[in-house]
Amino acid sequence: MVLARSQSLEKPYWAIAKSFLTWSFTLTVCLLVVGFPLVVLMTTIAVLAAVILQSVLPVSAVLVVVGSTIGINVFAVLFGATVLTFKGIHPEEVSWLSWLHGETNTAKEPTFASCPLTCGIEH
């Protein structure tokens, strides 16, 4: 009886951890692939901030800027994954994440330019 209770208690924690890790991976990939212009903008701002801070912190300006930029990105991904996990939104329920859980698009019949003229003709 005790073993059954402990196994039933572990399952929700595993589901939460799995959902959190899946959301973290998905948001990281989306940030790097889809958010590429945002990454370029953040890099440009970070370079300008490092050049400006070089006069104030000559030794550690680059370290401070790079560390804070990476830290903000990691925090944003983890915060987004936490919010999505605890709101109960599972990655399997999201329609645009079908690639993540193994579903593929079904093959469609090719449509050619001559189809309106020849599609009704039986061989």
PDB file of N, CA and C in Angstrom:
ATOM      1  N   MET A   1       0.819  -1.192   0.000  1.00  0.00           N
ATOM      2  CA  MET A   1       0.000   0.000   0.000  1.00  0.00           C
ATOM      3  C   MET A   1       0.869   1.265   0.000  1.00  0.00           C
ATOM      4  N   VAL A   2       1.919   1.234   0.823  1.00  0.00           N
ATOM      5  CA  VAL A   2       2.809   2.391   0.898  1.00  0.00           C
ATOM      6  C   VAL A   2       3.549   2.572  -0.422  1.00  0.00           C
ATOM      7  N   LEU A   3       3.960   1.467  -1.036  1.00  0.00           N
ATOM      8  CA  LEU A   3       4.660   1.543  -2.310  1.00  0.00           C
ATOM      9  C   LEU A   3       3.770   2.136  -3.397  1.00  0.00           C
ATOM     10  N   ALA A   4       2.496   1.761  -3.402  1.00  0.00           N
ATOM     11  CA  ALA A   4       1.559   2.303  -4.386  1.00  0.00           C
ATOM     12  C   ALA A   4       1.366   3.799  -4.196  1.00  0.00           C
ATOM     13  N   ARG A   5       1.313   4.244  -2.972  1.00  0.00           N
ATOM     14  CA  ARG A   5       1.170   5.686  -2.707  1.00  0.00           C
ATOM     15  C   ARG A   5       2.407   6.450  -3.132  1.00  0.00           C
ATOM     16  N   SER A   6       3.587   5.896  -2.850  1.00  0.00           N
ATOM     17  CA  SER A   6       4.812   6.614  -3.209  1.00  0.00           C
ATOM     18  C   SER A   6       4.977   6.670  -4.723  1.00  0.00           C
ATOM     19  N   GLN A   7       4.573   5.621  -5.438  1.00  0.00           N
ATOM     20  CA  GLN A   7       4.652   5.657  -6.895  1.00  0.00           C
ATOM     21  C   GLN A   7       3.648   6.631  -7.474  1.00  0.00           C
ATOM     22  N   SER A   8       2.476   6.725  -6.887  1.00  0.00           N
ATOM     23  CA  SER A   8       1.484   7.668  -7.407  1.00  0.00           C
ATOM     24  C   SER A   8       1.890   9.109  -7.119  1.00  0.00           C
ATOM     25  N   LEU A   9       2.678   9.334  -6.054  1.00  0.00           N
ATOM     26  CA  LEU A   9       3.148  10.684  -5.761  1.00  0.00           C
ATOM     27  C   LEU A   9       4.298  11.082  -6.673  1.00  0.00           C
ATOM     28  N   GLU A  10       5.109  10.124  -7.108  1.00  0.00           N
ATOM     29  CA  GLU A  10       6.247  10.453  -7.952  1.00  0.00           C
ATOM     30  C   GLU A  10       5.831  10.794  -9.377  1.00  0.00           C
ATOM     31  N   LYS A  11       4.741  10.267  -9.832  1.00  0.00           N
ATOM     32  CA  LYS A  11       4.339  10.465 -11.222  1.00  0.00           C
ATOM     33  C   LYS A  11       4.057  11.935 -11.564  1.00  0.00           C
ATOM     34  N   PRO A  12       3.309  12.684 -10.733  1.00  0.00           N
ATOM     35  CA  PRO A  12       3.107  14.096 -11.086  1.00  0.00           C
ATOM     36  C   PRO A  12       4.408  14.898 -11.095  1.00  0.00           C
ATOM     37  N   TYR A  13       5.332  14.576 -10.189  1.00  0.00           N
ATOM     38  CA  TYR A  13       6.599  15.302 -10.176  1.00  0.00           C
ATOM     39  C   TYR A  13       7.398  15.011 -11.435  1.00  0.00           C
ATOM     40  N   TRP A  14       7.376  13.755 -11.891  1.00  0.00           N
ATOM     41  CA  TRP A  14       8.071  13.408 -13.120  1.00  0.00           C
ATOM     42  C   TRP A  14       7.427  14.107 -14.311  1.00  0.00           C
ATOM     43  N   ALA A  15       6.092  14.183 -14.314  1.00  0.00           N
ATOM     44  CA  ALA A  15       5.399  14.850 -15.417  1.00  0.00           C
ATOM     45  C   ALA A  15       5.716  16.344 -15.435  1.00  0.00           C
ATOM     46  N   ILE A  16       5.789  16.944 -14.260  1.00  0.00           N
ATOM     47  CA  ILE A  16       6.133  18.371 -14.180  1.00  0.00           C
ATOM     48  C   ILE A  16       7.568  18.600 -14.644  1.00  0.00           C
ATOM     49  N   ALA A  17       8.483  17.745 -14.197  1.00  0.00           N
ATOM     50  CA  ALA A  17       9.881  17.894 -14.612  1.00  0.00           C
ATOM     51  C   ALA A  17      10.028  17.676 -16.116  1.00  0.00           C
ATOM     52  N   LYS A  18       9.328  16.693 -16.653  1.00  0.00           N
ATOM     53  CA  LYS A  18       9.398  16.427 -18.091  1.00  0.00           C
ATOM     54  C   LYS A  18       8.824  17.601 -18.884  1.00  0.00           C
ATOM     55  N   SER A  19       7.710  18.153 -18.419  1.00  0.00           N
ATOM     56  CA  SER A  19       7.108  19.298 -19.094  1.00  0.00           C
ATOM     57  C   SER A  19       8.034  20.516 -19.031  1.00  0.00           C
ATOM     58  N   PHE A  20       8.637  20.738 -17.863  1.00  0.00           N
ATOM     59  CA  PHE A  20       9.547  21.878 -17.709  1.00  0.00           C
ATOM     60  C   PHE A  20      10.761  21.741 -18.625  1.00  0.00           C
ATOM     61  N   LEU A  21      11.351  20.557 -18.673  1.00  0.00           N
ATOM     62  CA  LEU A  21      12.521  20.355 -19.525  1.00  0.00           C
ATOM     63  C   LEU A  21      12.165  20.463 -21.002  1.00  0.00           C
ATOM     64  N   THR A  22      10.991  19.971 -21.374  1.00  0.00           N
ATOM     65  CA  THR A  22      10.559  20.084 -22.767  1.00  0.00           C
ATOM     66  C   THR A  22      10.326  21.539 -23.146  1.00  0.00           C
ATOM     67  N   TRP A  23       9.678  22.285 -22.257  1.00  0.00           N
ATOM     68  CA  TRP A  23       9.457  23.707 -22.534  1.00  0.00           C
ATOM     69  C   TRP A  23      10.785  24.465 -22.590  1.00  0.00           C
ATOM     70  N   SER A  24      11.730  24.126 -21.716  1.00  0.00           N
ATOM     71  CA  SER A  24      13.037  24.789 -21.745  1.00  0.00           C
ATOM     72  C   SER A  24      13.741  24.553 -23.076  1.00  0.00           C
ATOM     73  N   PHE A  25      13.724  23.305 -23.532  1.00  0.00           N
ATOM     74  CA  PHE A  25      14.332  22.982 -24.820  1.00  0.00           C
ATOM     75  C   PHE A  25      13.640  23.715 -25.964  1.00  0.00           C
ATOM     76  N   THR A  26      12.312  23.695 -25.952  1.00  0.00           N
ATOM     77  CA  THR A  26      11.546  24.317 -27.038  1.00  0.00           C
ATOM     78  C   THR A  26      11.766  25.820 -27.076  1.00  0.00           C
ATOM     79  N   LEU A  27      11.736  26.467 -25.926  1.00  0.00           N
ATOM     80  CA  LEU A  27      11.930  27.920 -25.900  1.00  0.00           C
ATOM     81  C   LEU A  27      13.358  28.305 -26.279  1.00  0.00           C
ATOM     82  N   THR A  28      14.321  27.481 -25.919  1.00  0.00           N
ATOM     83  CA  THR A  28      15.704  27.747 -26.320  1.00  0.00           C
ATOM     84  C   THR A  28      15.861  27.645 -27.830  1.00  0.00           C
ATOM     85  N   VAL A  29      15.285  26.599 -28.411  1.00  0.00           N
ATOM     86  CA  VAL A  29      15.358  26.435 -29.864  1.00  0.00           C
ATOM     87  C   VAL A  29      14.641  27.589 -30.564  1.00  0.00           C
ATOM     88  N   CYS A  30      13.480  27.976 -30.048  1.00  0.00           N
ATOM     89  CA  CYS A  30      12.746  29.090 -30.655  1.00  0.00           C
ATOM     90  C   CYS A  30      13.522  30.394 -30.542  1.00  0.00           C
ATOM     91  N   LEU A  31      14.197  30.597 -29.421  1.00  0.00           N
ATOM     92  CA  LEU A  31      14.994  31.820 -29.264  1.00  0.00           C
ATOM     93  C   LEU A  31      16.143  31.846 -30.257  1.00  0.00           C
ATOM     94  N   LEU A  32      16.778  30.710 -30.468  1.00  0.00           N
ATOM     95  CA  LEU A  32      17.932  30.681 -31.358  1.00  0.00           C
ATOM     96  C   LEU A  32      17.550  30.680 -32.830  1.00  0.00           C
ATOM     97  N   VAL A  33      16.472  30.000 -33.190  1.00  0.00           N
ATOM     98  CA  VAL A  33      16.114  29.856 -34.599  1.00  0.00           C
ATOM     99  C   VAL A  33      15.159  30.955 -35.045  1.00  0.00           C
ATOM    100  N   VAL A  34      14.032  31.032 -34.394  1.00  0.00           N
ATOM    101  CA  VAL A  34      13.008  32.001 -34.800  1.00  0.00           C
ATOM    102  C   VAL A  34      13.394  33.406 -34.361  1.00  0.00           C
ATOM    103  N   GLY A  35      14.025  33.509 -33.201  1.00  0.00           N
ATOM    104  CA  GLY A  35      14.386  34.820 -32.678  1.00  0.00           C
ATOM    105  C   GLY A  35      15.755  35.287 -33.088  1.00  0.00           C
ATOM    106  N   PHE A  36      16.252  34.814 -34.228  1.00  0.00           N
ATOM    107  CA  PHE A  36      17.590  35.208 -34.663  1.00  0.00           C
ATOM    108  C   PHE A  36      17.758  36.723 -34.793  1.00  0.00           C
ATOM    109  N   PRO A  37      16.791  37.457 -35.357  1.00  0.00           N
ATOM    110  CA  PRO A  37      16.956  38.925 -35.378  1.00  0.00           C
ATOM    111  C   PRO A  37      17.052  39.528 -33.970  1.00  0.00           C
ATOM    112  N   LEU A  38      16.347  38.944 -33.023  1.00  0.00           N
ATOM    113  CA  LEU A  38      16.435  39.410 -31.641  1.00  0.00           C
ATOM    114  C   LEU A  38      17.822  39.129 -31.067  1.00  0.00           C
ATOM    115  N   VAL A  39      18.386  37.977 -31.407  1.00  0.00           N
ATOM    116  CA  VAL A  39      19.735  37.639 -30.940  1.00  0.00           C
ATOM    117  C   VAL A  39      20.757  38.600 -31.540  1.00  0.00           C
ATOM    118  N   VAL A  40      20.607  38.946 -32.802  1.00  0.00           N
ATOM    119  CA  VAL A  40      21.518  39.903 -33.442  1.00  0.00           C
ATOM    120  C   VAL A  40      21.405  41.273 -32.773  1.00  0.00           C
ATOM    121  N   LEU A  41      20.175  41.688 -32.469  1.00  0.00           N
ATOM    122  CA  LEU A  41      19.972  42.973 -31.791  1.00  0.00           C
ATOM    123  C   LEU A  41      20.582  42.959 -30.389  1.00  0.00           C
ATOM    124  N   MET A  42      20.393  41.872 -29.666  1.00  0.00           N
ATOM    125  CA  MET A  42      20.982  41.772 -28.320  1.00  0.00           C
ATOM    126  C   MET A  42      22.505  41.789 -28.383  1.00  0.00           C
ATOM    127  N   THR A  43      23.077  41.132 -29.387  1.00  0.00           N
ATOM    128  CA  THR A  43      24.529  41.117 -29.542  1.00  0.00           C
ATOM    129  C   THR A  43      25.061  42.508 -29.857  1.00  0.00           C
ATOM    130  N   THR A  44      24.361  43.229 -30.714  1.00  0.00           N
ATOM    131  CA  THR A  44      24.772  44.592 -31.041  1.00  0.00           C
ATOM    132  C   THR A  44      24.736  45.499 -29.815  1.00  0.00           C
ATOM    133  N   ILE A  45      23.668  45.389 -29.049  1.00  0.00           N
ATOM    134  CA  ILE A  45      23.558  46.200 -27.830  1.00  0.00           C
ATOM    135  C   ILE A  45      24.639  45.800 -26.827  1.00  0.00           C
ATOM    136  N   ALA A  46      24.932  44.498 -26.716  1.00  0.00           N
ATOM    137  CA  ALA A  46      25.959  44.039 -25.786  1.00  0.00           C
ATOM    138  C   ALA A  46      27.342  44.547 -26.179  1.00  0.00           C
ATOM    139  N   VAL A  47      27.630  44.559 -27.473  1.00  0.00           N
ATOM    140  CA  VAL A  47      28.929  45.075 -27.923  1.00  0.00           C
ATOM    141  C   VAL A  47      29.045  46.558 -27.617  1.00  0.00           C
ATOM    142  N   LEU A  48      27.994  47.310 -27.894  1.00  0.00           N
ATOM    143  CA  LEU A  48      28.025  48.748 -27.585  1.00  0.00           C
ATOM    144  C   LEU A  48      28.147  48.995 -26.078  1.00  0.00           C
ATOM    145  N   ALA A  49      27.463  48.185 -25.274  1.00  0.00           N
ATOM    146  CA  ALA A  49      27.565  48.337 -23.820  1.00  0.00           C
ATOM    147  C   ALA A  49      28.962  47.998 -23.332  1.00  0.00           C
ATOM    148  N   ALA A  50      29.599  46.992 -23.928  1.00  0.00           N
ATOM    149  CA  ALA A  50      30.964  46.643 -23.530  1.00  0.00           C
ATOM    150  C   ALA A  50      31.944  47.756 -23.885  1.00  0.00           C
ATOM    151  N   VAL A  51      31.747  48.372 -25.045  1.00  0.00           N
ATOM    152  CA  VAL A  51      32.631  49.482 -25.437  1.00  0.00           C
ATOM    153  C   VAL A  51      32.441  50.667 -24.500  1.00  0.00           C
ATOM    154  N   ILE A  52      31.197  50.953 -24.141  1.00  0.00           N
ATOM    155  CA  ILE A  52      30.933  52.083 -23.239  1.00  0.00           C
ATOM    156  C   ILE A  52      31.460  51.802 -21.838  1.00  0.00           C
ATOM    157  N   LEU A  53      31.269  50.563 -21.340  1.00  0.00           N
ATOM    158  CA  LEU A  53      31.741  50.223 -19.995  1.00  0.00           C
ATOM    159  C   LEU A  53      33.254  50.054 -19.918  1.00  0.00           C
ATOM    160  N   GLN A  54      33.913  49.960 -21.058  1.00  0.00           N
ATOM    161  CA  GLN A  54      35.361  49.778 -21.055  1.00  0.00           C
ATOM    162  C   GLN A  54      36.073  50.936 -20.366  1.00  0.00           C
ATOM    163  N   SER A  55      35.514  52.134 -20.453  1.00  0.00           N
ATOM    164  CA  SER A  55      36.150  53.283 -19.797  1.00  0.00           C
ATOM    165  C   SER A  55      35.952  53.263 -18.289  1.00  0.00           C
ATOM    166  N   VAL A  56      34.867  52.643 -17.829  1.00  0.00           N
ATOM    167  CA  VAL A  56      34.591  52.591 -16.388  1.00  0.00           C
ATOM    168  C   VAL A  56      35.206  51.349 -15.753  1.00  0.00           C
ATOM    169  N   LEU A  57      35.023  50.200 -16.395  1.00  0.00           N
ATOM    170  CA  LEU A  57      35.559  48.935 -15.892  1.00  0.00           C
ATOM    171  C   LEU A  57      36.526  48.359 -16.930  1.00  0.00           C
ATOM    172  N   PRO A  58      37.765  48.810 -16.962  1.00  0.00           N
ATOM    173  CA  PRO A  58      38.650  48.404 -18.044  1.00  0.00           C
ATOM    174  C   PRO A  58      38.962  46.905 -18.082  1.00  0.00           C
ATOM    175  N   VAL A  59      38.967  46.233 -16.959  1.00  0.00           N
ATOM    176  CA  VAL A  59      39.361  44.828 -16.944  1.00  0.00           C
ATOM    177  C   VAL A  59      38.169  43.907 -17.179  1.00  0.00           C
ATOM    178  N   SER A  60      37.035  44.209 -16.579  1.00  0.00           N
ATOM    179  CA  SER A  60      35.934  43.249 -16.584  1.00  0.00           C
ATOM    180  C   SER A  60      34.681  43.721 -17.317  1.00  0.00           C
ATOM    181  N   ALA A  61      34.802  44.681 -18.194  1.00  0.00           N
ATOM    182  CA  ALA A  61      33.617  45.183 -18.890  1.00  0.00           C
ATOM    183  C   ALA A  61      32.990  44.114 -19.765  1.00  0.00           C
ATOM    184  N   VAL A  62      33.803  43.400 -20.527  1.00  0.00           N
ATOM    185  CA  VAL A  62      33.281  42.367 -21.418  1.00  0.00           C
ATOM    186  C   VAL A  62      32.667  41.229 -20.608  1.00  0.00           C
ATOM    187  N   LEU A  63      33.325  40.855 -19.529  1.00  0.00           N
ATOM    188  CA  LEU A  63      32.808  39.783 -18.674  1.00  0.00           C
ATOM    189  C   LEU A  63      31.458  40.149 -18.072  1.00  0.00           C
ATOM    190  N   VAL A  64      31.315  41.374 -17.616  1.00  0.00           N
ATOM    191  CA  VAL A  64      30.051  41.821 -17.029  1.00  0.00           C
ATOM    192  C   VAL A  64      28.945  41.838 -18.081  1.00  0.00           C
ATOM    193  N   VAL A  65      29.231  42.362 -19.251  1.00  0.00           N
ATOM    194  CA  VAL A  65      28.213  42.473 -20.295  1.00  0.00           C
ATOM    195  C   VAL A  65      27.814  41.094 -20.815  1.00  0.00           C
ATOM    196  N   VAL A  66      28.777  40.245 -21.101  1.00  0.00           N
ATOM    197  CA  VAL A  66      28.463  38.908 -21.617  1.00  0.00           C
ATOM    198  C   VAL A  66      27.728  38.086 -20.560  1.00  0.00           C
ATOM    199  N   GLY A  67      28.188  38.152 -19.329  1.00  0.00           N
ATOM    200  CA  GLY A  67      27.525  37.415 -18.251  1.00  0.00           C
ATOM    201  C   GLY A  67      26.096  37.857 -18.029  1.00  0.00           C
ATOM    202  N   SER A  68      25.871  39.164 -18.067  1.00  0.00           N
ATOM    203  CA  SER A  68      24.501  39.641 -17.865  1.00  0.00           C
ATOM    204  C   SER A  68      23.609  39.322 -19.061  1.00  0.00           C
ATOM    205  N   THR A  69      24.138  39.382 -20.266  1.00  0.00           N
ATOM    206  CA  THR A  69      23.345  39.058 -21.450  1.00  0.00           C
ATOM    207  C   THR A  69      22.938  37.575 -21.457  1.00  0.00           C
ATOM    208  N   ILE A  70      23.897  36.709 -21.197  1.00  0.00           N
ATOM    209  CA  ILE A  70      23.585  35.274 -21.147  1.00  0.00           C
ATOM    210  C   ILE A  70      22.662  34.978 -19.972  1.00  0.00           C
ATOM    211  N   GLY A  71      22.897  35.625 -18.855  1.00  0.00           N
ATOM    212  CA  GLY A  71      22.035  35.417 -17.689  1.00  0.00           C
ATOM    213  C   GLY A  71      20.599  35.843 -17.934  1.00  0.00           C
ATOM    214  N   ILE A  72      20.409  36.951 -18.612  1.00  0.00           N
ATOM    215  CA  ILE A  72      19.052  37.415 -18.930  1.00  0.00           C
ATOM    216  C   ILE A  72      18.360  36.443 -19.870  1.00  0.00           C
ATOM    217  N   ASN A  73      19.088  35.934 -20.856  1.00  0.00           N
ATOM    218  CA  ASN A  73      18.494  34.964 -21.783  1.00  0.00           C
ATOM    219  C   ASN A  73      18.120  33.663 -21.081  1.00  0.00           C
ATOM    220  N   VAL A  74      19.012  33.159 -20.244  1.00  0.00           N
ATOM    221  CA  VAL A  74      18.724  31.921 -19.501  1.00  0.00           C
ATOM    222  C   VAL A  74      17.546  32.141 -18.559  1.00  0.00           C
ATOM    223  N   PHE A  75      17.515  33.281 -17.889  1.00  0.00           N
ATOM    224  CA  PHE A  75      16.404  33.579 -16.989  1.00  0.00           C
ATOM    225  C   PHE A  75      15.081  33.665 -17.754  1.00  0.00           C
ATOM    226  N   ALA A  76      15.092  34.295 -18.918  1.00  0.00           N
ATOM    227  CA  ALA A  76      13.860  34.415 -19.705  1.00  0.00           C
ATOM    228  C   ALA A  76      13.343  33.049 -20.144  1.00  0.00           C
ATOM    229  N   VAL A  77      14.241  32.177 -20.584  1.00  0.00           N
ATOM    230  CA  VAL A  77      13.823  30.834 -21.013  1.00  0.00           C
ATOM    231  C   VAL A  77      13.290  30.036 -19.829  1.00  0.00           C
ATOM    232  N   LEU A  78      14.007  30.048 -18.708  1.00  0.00           N
ATOM    233  CA  LEU A  78      13.568  29.286 -17.544  1.00  0.00           C
ATOM    234  C   LEU A  78      12.293  29.851 -16.943  1.00  0.00           C
ATOM    235  N   PHE A  79      12.137  31.163 -16.944  1.00  0.00           N
ATOM    236  CA  PHE A  79      10.915  31.767 -16.434  1.00  0.00           C
ATOM    237  C   PHE A  79       9.724  31.417 -17.324  1.00  0.00           C
ATOM    238  N   GLY A  80       9.921  31.490 -18.634  1.00  0.00           N
ATOM    239  CA  GLY A  80       8.847  31.114 -19.551  1.00  0.00           C
ATOM    240  C   GLY A  80       8.467  29.651 -19.414  1.00  0.00           C
ATOM    241  N   ALA A  81       9.470  28.772 -19.271  1.00  0.00           N
ATOM    242  CA  ALA A  81       9.190  27.346 -19.083  1.00  0.00           C
ATOM    243  C   ALA A  81       8.462  27.102 -17.765  1.00  0.00           C
ATOM    244  N   THR A  82       8.834  27.823 -16.727  1.00  0.00           N
ATOM    245  CA  THR A  82       8.167  27.670 -15.434  1.00  0.00           C
ATOM    246  C   THR A  82       6.719  28.123 -15.504  1.00  0.00           C
ATOM    247  N   VAL A  83       6.474  29.250 -16.126  1.00  0.00           N
ATOM    248  CA  VAL A  83       5.105  29.761 -16.242  1.00  0.00           C
ATOM    249  C   VAL A  83       4.238  28.803 -17.052  1.00  0.00           C
ATOM    250  N   LEU A  84       4.742  28.333 -18.181  1.00  0.00           N
ATOM    251  CA  LEU A  84       3.971  27.414 -19.017  1.00  0.00           C
ATOM    252  C   LEU A  84       3.733  26.083 -18.310  1.00  0.00           C
ATOM    253  N   THR A  85       4.709  25.621 -17.539  1.00  0.00           N
ATOM    254  CA  THR A  85       4.550  24.354 -16.828  1.00  0.00           C
ATOM    255  C   THR A  85       3.506  24.470 -15.734  1.00  0.00           C
ATOM    256  N   PHE A  86       3.579  25.514 -14.928  1.00  0.00           N
ATOM    257  CA  PHE A  86       2.662  25.622 -13.802  1.00  0.00           C
ATOM    258  C   PHE A  86       1.282  26.138 -14.189  1.00  0.00           C
ATOM    259  N   LYS A  87       1.134  26.654 -15.405  1.00  0.00           N
ATOM    260  CA  LYS A  87      -0.208  26.953 -15.904  1.00  0.00           C
ATOM    261  C   LYS A  87      -0.898  25.694 -16.405  1.00  0.00           C
ATOM    262  N   GLY A  88      -0.142  24.617 -16.514  1.00  0.00           N
ATOM    263  CA  GLY A  88      -0.700  23.341 -16.942  1.00  0.00           C
ATOM    264  C   GLY A  88      -0.761  23.164 -18.441  1.00  0.00           C
ATOM    265  N   ILE A  89      -0.012  23.957 -19.176  1.00  0.00           N
ATOM    266  CA  ILE A  89       0.029  23.827 -20.633  1.00  0.00           C
ATOM    267  C   ILE A  89       1.116  22.812 -20.955  1.00  0.00           C
ATOM    268  N   HIS A  90       0.710  21.655 -21.456  1.00  0.00           N
ATOM    269  CA  HIS A  90       1.665  20.606 -21.783  1.00  0.00           C
ATOM    270  C   HIS A  90       2.054  20.719 -23.250  1.00  0.00           C
ATOM    271  N   PRO A  91       3.303  20.430 -23.572  1.00  0.00           N
ATOM    272  CA  PRO A  91       3.750  20.544 -24.961  1.00  0.00           C
ATOM    273  C   PRO A  91       2.970  19.651 -25.923  1.00  0.00           C
ATOM    274  N   GLU A  92       2.412  18.550 -25.433  1.00  0.00           N
ATOM    275  CA  GLU A  92       1.642  17.664 -26.305  1.00  0.00           C
ATOM    276  C   GLU A  92       0.331  18.304 -26.749  1.00  0.00           C
ATOM    277  N   GLU A  93      -0.144  19.293 -26.018  1.00  0.00           N
ATOM    278  CA  GLU A  93      -1.417  19.942 -26.316  1.00  0.00           C
ATOM    279  C   GLU A  93      -1.289  21.100 -27.294  1.00  0.00           C
ATOM    280  N   VAL A  94      -0.081  21.542 -27.570  1.00  0.00           N
ATOM    281  CA  VAL A  94       0.146  22.696 -28.431  1.00  0.00           C
ATOM    282  C   VAL A  94       0.230  22.218 -29.875  1.00  0.00           C
ATOM    283  N   SER A  95      -0.596  22.788 -30.727  1.00  0.00           N
ATOM    284  CA  SER A  95      -0.698  22.295 -32.104  1.00  0.00           C
ATOM    285  C   SER A  95       0.570  22.550 -32.918  1.00  0.00           C
ATOM    286  N   TRP A  96       1.263  23.656 -32.705  1.00  0.00           N
ATOM    287  CA  TRP A  96       2.424  23.970 -33.520  1.00  0.00           C
ATOM    288  C   TRP A  96       3.677  23.237 -33.057  1.00  0.00           C
ATOM    289  N   LEU A  97       3.556  22.396 -32.018  1.00  0.00           N
ATOM    290  CA  LEU A  97       4.683  21.596 -31.564  1.00  0.00           C
ATOM    291  C   LEU A  97       4.551  20.135 -31.966  1.00  0.00           C
ATOM    292  N   SER A  98       3.860  19.860 -33.072  1.00  0.00           N
ATOM    293  CA  SER A  98       3.667  18.473 -33.486  1.00  0.00           C
ATOM    294  C   SER A  98       4.998  17.805 -33.821  1.00  0.00           C
ATOM    295  N   TRP A  99       5.978  18.561 -34.266  1.00  0.00           N
ATOM    296  CA  TRP A  99       7.293  18.013 -34.583  1.00  0.00           C
ATOM    297  C   TRP A  99       8.001  17.511 -33.342  1.00  0.00           C
ATOM    298  N   LEU A 100       7.604  18.034 -32.176  1.00  0.00           N
ATOM    299  CA  LEU A 100       8.295  17.694 -30.943  1.00  0.00           C
ATOM    300  C   LEU A 100       7.911  16.315 -30.421  1.00  0.00           C
ATOM    301  N   HIS A 101       6.672  15.917 -30.605  1.00  0.00           N
ATOM    302  CA  HIS A 101       6.251  14.625 -30.069  1.00  0.00           C
ATOM    303  C   HIS A 101       5.972  13.598 -31.170  1.00  0.00           C
ATOM    304  N   GLY A 102       6.671  13.708 -32.290  1.00  0.00           N
ATOM    305  CA  GLY A 102       6.715  12.644 -33.269  1.00  0.00           C
ATOM    306  C   GLY A 102       5.647  12.650 -34.338  1.00  0.00           C
ATOM    307  N   GLU A 103       4.727  13.565 -34.323  1.00  0.00           N
ATOM    308  CA  GLU A 103       3.722  13.604 -35.373  1.00  0.00           C
ATOM    309  C   GLU A 103       4.296  14.310 -36.588  1.00  0.00           C
ATOM    310  N   THR A 104       3.988  13.772 -37.734  1.00  0.00           N
ATOM    311  CA  THR A 104       4.443  14.405 -38.970  1.00  0.00           C
ATOM    312  C   THR A 104       3.232  14.750 -39.811  1.00  0.00           C
ATOM    313  N   ASN A 105       3.410  15.668 -40.705  1.00  0.00           N
ATOM    314  CA  ASN A 105       2.327  16.034 -41.607  1.00  0.00           C
ATOM    315  C   ASN A 105       2.068  14.895 -42.577  1.00  0.00           C
ATOM    316  N   THR A 106       0.811  14.683 -42.874  1.00  0.00           N
ATOM    317  CA  THR A 106       0.485  13.644 -43.840  1.00  0.00           C
ATOM    318  C   THR A 106       0.819  14.135 -45.234  1.00  0.00           C
ATOM    319  N   ALA A 107       1.210  13.211 -46.081  1.00  0.00           N
ATOM    320  CA  ALA A 107       1.569  13.573 -47.448  1.00  0.00           C
ATOM    321  C   ALA A 107       0.316  13.983 -48.212  1.00  0.00           C
ATOM    322  N   LYS A 108       0.396  15.068 -48.906  1.00  0.00           N
ATOM    323  CA  LYS A 108      -0.730  15.564 -49.690  1.00  0.00           C
ATOM    324  C   LYS A 108      -0.475  15.290 -51.162  1.00  0.00           C
ATOM    325  N   GLU A 109      -1.544  15.218 -51.890  1.00  0.00           N
ATOM    326  CA  GLU A 109      -1.427  15.027 -53.333  1.00  0.00           C
ATOM    327  C   GLU A 109      -0.805  16.267 -53.961  1.00  0.00           C
ATOM    328  N   PRO A 110       0.140  16.084 -54.867  1.00  0.00           N
ATOM    329  CA  PRO A 110       0.735  17.255 -55.514  1.00  0.00           C
ATOM    330  C   PRO A 110      -0.272  17.933 -56.441  1.00  0.00           C
ATOM    331  N   THR A 111      -0.225  19.240 -56.457  1.00  0.00           N
ATOM    332  CA  THR A 111      -1.088  20.014 -57.334  1.00  0.00           C
ATOM    333  C   THR A 111      -0.216  20.672 -58.392  1.00  0.00           C
ATOM    334  N   PHE A 112      -0.536  20.407 -59.622  1.00  0.00           N
ATOM    335  CA  PHE A 112       0.246  20.960 -60.716  1.00  0.00           C
ATOM    336  C   PHE A 112      -0.516  22.111 -61.358  1.00  0.00           C
ATOM    337  N   ALA A 113       0.173  22.897 -62.135  1.00  0.00           N
ATOM    338  CA  ALA A 113      -0.460  24.042 -62.777  1.00  0.00           C
ATOM    339  C   ALA A 113      -1.532  23.609 -63.768  1.00  0.00           C
ATOM    340  N   SER A 114      -1.394  22.443 -64.365  1.00  0.00           N
ATOM    341  CA  SER A 114      -2.378  21.982 -65.351  1.00  0.00           C
ATOM    342  C   SER A 114      -3.534  21.229 -64.699  1.00  0.00           C
ATOM    343  N   CYS A 115      -3.557  21.128 -63.392  1.00  0.00           N
ATOM    344  CA  CYS A 115      -4.569  20.337 -62.712  1.00  0.00           C
ATOM    345  C   CYS A 115      -5.998  20.804 -62.999  1.00  0.00           C
ATOM    346  N   PRO A 116      -6.284  22.083 -63.044  1.00  0.00           N
ATOM    347  CA  PRO A 116      -7.677  22.451 -63.342  1.00  0.00           C
ATOM    348  C   PRO A 116      -8.152  21.937 -64.688  1.00  0.00           C
ATOM    349  N   LEU A 117      -7.239  21.721 -65.642  1.00  0.00           N
ATOM    350  CA  LEU A 117      -7.621  21.231 -66.966  1.00  0.00           C
ATOM    351  C   LEU A 117      -7.659  19.720 -67.044  1.00  0.00           C
ATOM    352  N   THR A 118      -6.787  19.046 -66.268  1.00  0.00           N
ATOM    353  CA  THR A 118      -6.632  17.605 -66.451  1.00  0.00           C
ATOM    354  C   THR A 118      -7.034  16.765 -65.251  1.00  0.00           C
ATOM    355  N   CYS A 119      -7.410  17.337 -64.139  1.00  0.00           N
ATOM    356  CA  CYS A 119      -7.688  16.542 -62.944  1.00  0.00           C
ATOM    357  C   CYS A 119      -8.973  15.744 -63.080  1.00  0.00           C
ATOM    358  N   GLY A 120      -9.910  16.183 -63.845  1.00  0.00           N
ATOM    359  CA  GLY A 120     -11.150  15.468 -63.982  1.00  0.00           C
ATOM    360  C   GLY A 120     -11.103  14.344 -64.992  1.00  0.00           C
ATOM    361  N   ILE A 121     -10.035  14.209 -65.731  1.00  0.00           N
ATOM    362  CA  ILE A 121      -9.924  13.208 -66.782  1.00  0.00           C
ATOM    363  C   ILE A 121      -9.503  11.885 -66.154  1.00  0.00           C
ATOM    364  N   GLU A 122     -10.273  10.834 -66.415  1.00  0.00           N
ATOM    365  CA  GLU A 122      -9.939   9.486 -65.936  1.00  0.00           C
ATOM    366  C   GLU A 122      -9.099   8.787 -66.986  1.00  0.00           C
ATOM    367  N   HIS A 123      -8.172   7.983 -66.560  1.00  0.00           N
ATOM    368  CA  HIS A 123      -7.291   7.260 -67.486  1.00  0.00           C
ATOM    369  C   HIS A 123      -7.979   6.059 -68.028  1.00  0.00           C
TER     370      HIS A 123
END
